[in-house]
C-alpha atoms as a PDB file:
ATOM      1  CA  MET A   1      58.558 -48.720  14.363  1.00  0.00           C
ATOM      2  CA  ARG A   2      56.477 -46.584  12.008  1.00  0.00           C
ATOM      3  CA  MET A   3      53.728 -46.252  14.611  1.00  0.00           C
ATOM      4  CA  ARG A   4      56.262 -45.135  17.220  1.00  0.00           C
ATOM      5  CA  LEU A   5      57.652 -42.463  14.857  1.00  0.00           C
ATOM      6  CA  TRP A   6      54.120 -41.272  14.071  1.00  0.00           C
ATOM      7  CA  ILE A   7      53.232 -40.990  17.776  1.00  0.00           C
ATOM      8  CA  VAL A   8      56.471 -39.119  18.616  1.00  0.00           C
ATOM      9  CA  SER A   9      55.840 -36.706  15.724  1.00  0.00           C
ATOM     10  CA  LEU A  10      52.258 -36.099  16.821  1.00  0.00           C
ATOM     11  CA  VAL A  11      53.308 -35.420  20.423  1.00  0.00           C
ATOM     12  CA  ALA A  12      56.073 -33.045  19.295  1.00  0.00           C
ATOM     13  CA  LEU A  13      53.693 -31.090  17.063  1.00  0.00           C
ATOM     14  CA  THR A  14      51.102 -30.873  19.833  1.00  0.00           C
ATOM     15  CA  LEU A  15      53.576 -29.623  22.428  1.00  0.00           C
ATOM     16  CA  THR A  16      55.101 -27.134  20.016  1.00  0.00           C
ATOM     17  CA  GLY A  17      51.682 -25.732  19.116  1.00  0.00           C
ATOM     18  CA  CYS A  18      50.646 -25.411  22.751  1.00  0.00           C
ATOM     19  CA  ALA A  19      53.838 -23.625  23.744  1.00  0.00           C
ATOM     20  CA  LEU A  20      53.546 -20.940  21.090  1.00  0.00           C
ATOM     21  CA  ALA A  21      51.755 -17.703  21.905  1.00  0.00           C
ATOM     22  CA  PRO A  22      48.946 -16.667  19.546  1.00  0.00           C
ATOM     23  CA  ALA A  23      49.733 -14.032  16.944  1.00  0.00           C
ATOM     24  CA  GLY A  24      49.556 -10.533  18.362  1.00  0.00           C
ATOM     25  CA  ARG A  25      50.063 -11.652  21.945  1.00  0.00           C
ATOM     26  CA  GLU A  26      52.468  -9.454  23.815  1.00  0.00           C
ATOM     27  CA  ARG A  27      54.278 -11.575  26.330  1.00  0.00           C
ATOM     28  CA  GLY A  28      54.075 -10.176  29.826  1.00  0.00           C
ATOM     29  CA  ALA A  29      51.770  -7.303  28.899  1.00  0.00           C
ATOM     30  CA  ALA A  30      49.320  -6.128  31.539  1.00  0.00           C
ATOM     31  CA  ALA A  31      45.573  -6.370  31.110  1.00  0.00           C
ATOM     32  CA  PRO A  32      44.161  -3.848  28.640  1.00  0.00           C
ATOM     33  CA  THR A  33      42.999  -0.604  30.190  1.00  0.00           C
ATOM     34  CA  SER A  34      41.572   1.047  27.087  1.00  0.00           C
ATOM     35  CA  THR A  35      38.730   2.308  29.216  1.00  0.00           C
ATOM     36  CA  PRO A  36      39.489   4.376  32.293  1.00  0.00           C
ATOM     37  CA  LEU A  37      39.488   2.563  35.596  1.00  0.00           C
ATOM     38  CA  ALA A  38      35.894   2.283  36.656  1.00  0.00           C
ATOM     39  CA  ARG A  39      34.624   3.036  40.109  1.00  0.00           C
ATOM     40  CA  VAL A  40      33.805  -0.434  41.368  1.00  0.00           C
ATOM     41  CA  THR A  41      31.362  -0.679  44.261  1.00  0.00           C
ATOM     42  CA  SER A  42      30.807  -4.454  44.405  1.00  0.00           C
ATOM     43  CA  ALA A  43      31.704  -7.755  42.775  1.00  0.00           C
ATOM     44  CA  GLN A  44      29.664 -10.921  42.313  1.00  0.00           C
ATOM     45  CA  VAL A  45      31.732 -14.128  42.364  1.00  0.00           C
ATOM     46  CA  VAL A  46      30.195 -17.384  41.105  1.00  0.00           C
ATOM     47  CA  ARG A  47      31.999 -20.702  40.716  1.00  0.00           C
ATOM     48  CA  LEU A  48      30.925 -22.430  37.515  1.00  0.00           C
ATOM     49  CA  VAL A  49      31.642 -26.122  37.361  1.00  0.00           C
ATOM     50  CA  ALA A  50      31.301 -28.909  34.840  1.00  0.00           C
ATOM     51  CA  LEU A  51      30.154 -32.444  35.583  1.00  0.00           C
ATOM     52  CA  ASP A  52      29.209 -31.793  39.218  1.00  0.00           C
ATOM     53  CA  GLN A  53      32.771 -32.112  40.488  1.00  0.00           C
ATOM     54  CA  ALA A  54      32.558 -29.228  42.983  1.00  0.00           C
ATOM     55  CA  PRO A  55      29.916 -27.592  45.135  1.00  0.00           C
ATOM     56  CA  ALA A  56      28.287 -24.376  44.021  1.00  0.00           C
ATOM     57  CA  PHE A  57      29.771 -21.143  45.275  1.00  0.00           C
ATOM     58  CA  SER A  58      28.301 -17.678  44.992  1.00  0.00           C
ATOM     59  CA  ALA A  59      29.211 -14.595  47.000  1.00  0.00           C
ATOM     60  CA  THR A  60      29.029 -10.835  46.712  1.00  0.00           C
ATOM     61  CA  ILE A  61      31.872  -8.579  47.719  1.00  0.00           C
ATOM     62  CA  ALA A  62      29.772  -5.664  48.951  1.00  0.00           C
ATOM     63  CA  ASP A  63      32.585  -3.567  50.453  1.00  0.00           C
ATOM     64  CA  SER A  64      33.624  -1.127  47.715  1.00  0.00           C
ATOM     65  CA  GLU A  65      37.259  -0.995  48.861  1.00  0.00           C
ATOM     66  CA  GLU A  66      37.549  -4.801  48.820  1.00  0.00           C
ATOM     67  CA  ALA A  67      35.806  -5.044  45.441  1.00  0.00           C
ATOM     68  CA  SER A  68      38.060  -2.321  44.058  1.00  0.00           C
ATOM     69  CA  SER A  69      41.191  -4.112  45.306  1.00  0.00           C
ATOM     70  CA  VAL A  70      40.130  -7.319  43.503  1.00  0.00           C
ATOM     71  CA  TYR A  71      39.357  -5.269  40.360  1.00  0.00           C
ATOM     72  CA  GLN A  72      42.793  -3.629  40.459  1.00  0.00           C
ATOM     73  CA  ALA A  73      44.479  -6.990  41.098  1.00  0.00           C
ATOM     74  CA  MET A  74      42.633  -8.401  38.076  1.00  0.00           C
ATOM     75  CA  LEU A  75      43.752  -5.558  35.818  1.00  0.00           C
ATOM     76  CA  ALA A  76      47.356  -5.953  37.062  1.00  0.00           C
ATOM     77  CA  LEU A  77      47.590  -9.528  35.729  1.00  0.00           C
ATOM     78  CA  LYS A  78      50.044 -10.107  32.894  1.00  0.00           C
ATOM     79  CA  VAL A  79      49.373 -11.908  29.636  1.00  0.00           C
ATOM     80  CA  ASP A  80      50.243 -15.593  30.011  1.00  0.00           C
ATOM     81  CA  ASN A  81      53.688 -16.128  28.513  1.00  0.00           C
ATOM     82  CA  GLY A  82      52.739 -19.531  27.150  1.00  0.00           C
ATOM     83  CA  ALA A  83      55.533 -21.287  29.076  1.00  0.00           C
ATOM     84  CA  ALA A  84      53.295 -24.161  30.183  1.00  0.00           C
ATOM     85  CA  PRO A  85      52.786 -26.570  27.262  1.00  0.00           C
ATOM     86  CA  SER A  86      49.716 -28.100  28.877  1.00  0.00           C
ATOM     87  CA  CYS A  87      47.447 -27.507  31.842  1.00  0.00           C
ATOM     88  CA  PRO A  88      47.296 -30.655  33.950  1.00  0.00           C
ATOM     89  CA  LEU A  89      44.395 -31.245  36.309  1.00  0.00           C
ATOM     90  CA  ASP A  90      42.089 -28.824  34.509  1.00  0.00           C
ATOM     91  CA  GLU A  91      38.697 -29.931  35.790  1.00  0.00           C
ATOM     92  CA  GLY A  92      36.750 -27.373  33.754  1.00  0.00           C
ATOM     93  CA  ALA A  93      35.852 -25.097  36.664  1.00  0.00           C
ATOM     94  CA  ASP A  94      36.115 -21.343  36.735  1.00  0.00           C
ATOM     95  CA  TYR A  95      34.990 -18.354  38.760  1.00  0.00           C
ATOM     96  CA  ARG A  96      32.981 -15.679  36.988  1.00  0.00           C
ATOM     97  CA  ILE A  97      33.615 -12.318  38.620  1.00  0.00           C
ATOM     98  CA  THR A  98      31.290  -9.482  37.665  1.00  0.00           C
ATOM     99  CA  PHE A  99      32.511  -6.094  38.831  1.00  0.00           C
ATOM    100  CA  ARG A 100      29.778  -3.487  39.245  1.00  0.00           C
ATOM    101  CA  ASP A 101      29.481   0.205  39.879  1.00  0.00           C
ATOM    102  CA  GLU A 102      26.349   1.553  41.536  1.00  0.00           C
ATOM    103  CA  SER A 103      24.147   0.979  38.490  1.00  0.00           C
ATOM    104  CA  ALA A 104      25.615  -1.581  36.089  1.00  0.00           C
ATOM    105  CA  ALA A 105      28.231  -4.218  35.361  1.00  0.00           C
ATOM    106  CA  VAL A 106      31.621  -2.662  34.617  1.00  0.00           C
ATOM    107  CA  LEU A 107      33.629  -5.756  33.712  1.00  0.00           C
ATOM    108  CA  THR A 108      33.221  -9.526  33.756  1.00  0.00           C
ATOM    109  CA  ALA A 109      36.211 -11.825  34.083  1.00  0.00           C
ATOM    110  CA  TRP A 110      36.698 -15.573  34.433  1.00  0.00           C
ATOM    111  CA  VAL A 111      39.498 -17.133  36.479  1.00  0.00           C
ATOM    112  CA  LYS A 112      40.381 -20.814  36.602  1.00  0.00           C
ATOM    113  CA  PRO A 113      41.224 -22.298  40.009  1.00  0.00           C
ATOM    114  CA  ASP A 114      42.773 -25.406  38.463  1.00  0.00           C
ATOM    115  CA  GLY A 115      44.991 -26.370  35.552  1.00  0.00           C
ATOM    116  CA  CYS A 116      47.108 -23.374  34.536  1.00  0.00           C
ATOM    117  CA  ARG A 117      45.024 -20.978  36.684  1.00  0.00           C
ATOM    118  CA  ASP A 118      44.518 -18.613  33.773  1.00  0.00           C
ATOM    119  CA  ALA A 119      42.179 -15.630  33.553  1.00  0.00           C
ATOM    120  CA  LYS A 120      40.078 -14.149  30.768  1.00  0.00           C
ATOM    121  CA  ILE A 121      39.241 -10.487  31.218  1.00  0.00           C
ATOM    122  CA  GLY A 122      36.248  -8.925  29.493  1.00  0.00           C
ATOM    123  CA  ALA A 123      35.880  -9.432  25.748  1.00  0.00           C
ATOM    124  CA  SER A 124      39.634  -9.757  25.182  1.00  0.00           C
ATOM    125  CA  ARG A 125      40.816 -12.959  23.508  1.00  0.00           C
ATOM    126  CA  LEU A 126      44.050 -12.820  25.525  1.00  0.00           C
ATOM    127  CA  VAL A 127      44.687 -15.200  28.392  1.00  0.00           C
ATOM    128  CA  TYR A 128      46.261 -13.864  31.582  1.00  0.00           C
ATOM    129  CA  ALA A 129      48.312 -15.681  34.206  1.00  0.00           C
ATOM    130  CA  THR A 130      46.958 -15.352  37.720  1.00  0.00           C
ATOM    131  CA  THR A 131      49.327 -14.942  40.652  1.00  0.00           C
ATOM    132  CA  ASP A 132      49.347 -16.046  44.265  1.00  0.00           C
ATOM    133  CA  GLN A 133      48.835 -12.385  45.184  1.00  0.00           C
ATOM    134  CA  PHE A 134      45.696 -12.191  43.026  1.00  0.00           C
ATOM    135  CA  TRP A 135      44.213 -15.315  44.641  1.00  0.00           C
ATOM    136  CA  GLN A 136      45.090 -14.014  48.117  1.00  0.00           C
ATOM    137  CA  THR A 137      43.397 -10.675  47.352  1.00  0.00           C
ATOM    138  CA  LEU A 138      40.273 -12.445  46.070  1.00  0.00           C
ATOM    139  CA  ALA A 139      40.161 -14.830  49.039  1.00  0.00           C
ATOM    140  CA  SER A 140      40.619 -12.004  51.531  1.00  0.00           C
ATOM    141  CA  ALA A 141      37.808  -9.989  49.946  1.00  0.00           C
ATOM    142  CA  LEU A 142      35.545 -13.054  50.101  1.00  0.00           C
ATOM    143  CA  GLY A 143      36.537 -13.850  53.686  1.00  0.00           C
ATOM    144  CA  VAL A 144      37.799 -17.344  52.828  1.00  0.00           C
ATOM    145  CA  SER A 145      41.208 -18.993  52.583  1.00  0.00           C
ATOM    146  CA  ALA A 146      42.939 -19.021  49.208  1.00  0.00           C
ATOM    147  CA  ASN A 147      43.154 -22.829  49.446  1.00  0.00           C
ATOM    148  CA  SER A 148      39.373 -23.076  49.697  1.00  0.00           C
ATOM    149  CA  LEU A 149      39.091 -21.418  46.273  1.00  0.00           C
ATOM    150  CA  PHE A 150      41.100 -24.296  44.788  1.00  0.00           C
ATOM    151  CA  ASP A 151      39.113 -27.070  46.495  1.00  0.00           C
ATOM    152  CA  LEU A 152      37.073 -28.603  43.705  1.00  0.00           C
ATOM    153  CA  THR A 153      36.242 -31.798  45.573  1.00  0.00           C
ATOM    154  CA  TYR A 154      32.630 -32.734  45.102  1.00  0.00           C
ATOM    155  CA  HIS A 155      30.929 -33.005  48.477  1.00  0.00           C
ATOM    156  CA  GLY A 156      27.404 -33.719  47.203  1.00  0.00           C
ATOM    157  CA  GLY A 157      24.543 -31.294  46.707  1.00  0.00           C
ATOM    158  CA  PRO A 158      23.612 -29.004  43.846  1.00  0.00           C
ATOM    159  CA  THR A 159      26.122 -27.271  41.619  1.00  0.00           C
ATOM    160  CA  ALA A 160      26.059 -24.211  39.431  1.00  0.00           C
ATOM    161  CA  PRO A 161      25.115 -24.616  35.756  1.00  0.00           C
ATOM    162  CA  PRO A 162      27.960 -25.831  33.532  1.00  0.00           C
ATOM    163  CA  PRO A 163      29.934 -23.036  31.843  1.00  0.00           C
ATOM    164  CA  GLY A 164      29.690 -24.360  28.285  1.00  0.00           C
ATOM    165  CA  PRO A 165      31.954 -26.415  26.068  1.00  0.00           C
ATOM    166  CA  GLY A 166      34.862 -26.217  28.527  1.00  0.00           C
ATOM    167  CA  ASP A 167      37.086 -23.733  26.775  1.00  0.00           C
ATOM    168  CA  TRP A 168      37.414 -19.967  26.685  1.00  0.00           C
ATOM    169  CA  SER A 169      35.675 -19.591  23.321  1.00  0.00           C
ATOM    170  CA  ASP A 170      32.296 -18.832  24.837  1.00  0.00           C
ATOM    171  CA  ARG A 171      33.648 -16.266  27.314  1.00  0.00           C
END
């Protein structure tokens, strides 16, 4: 009986902690735009995977209008409201998107195609919730279906280097 009470208490504490937003997080706030919107001319998209569970993916969005639409869709994402207490089926994969102007990187973001499908934008510690519209915009710019971005089935062959310890702390 004591063990059961201990396990129930541990689960309750874990779920409560996961459901709370970090201090300073504004629920539903848009991505920070402290710097003026940059003129984006291209975007490099690379799927980073852990443990060889998905094939490598790397593509460049060379059309400046398409790259700009993905950039604007990224900046339109809202801060995750923390409603999901856990992120099931998080395989540890993410897409690194590097937005560039004609001479340098403007912004780097990471989006997760599995689990809670969160995004991390630039150096911010905030986590953003992606939307179906965001994924559709990204897929359209890449010339693929949105469903193909979520396919993390390993089909053999080489994969991209692992992203790190599997959390957002190194991003």
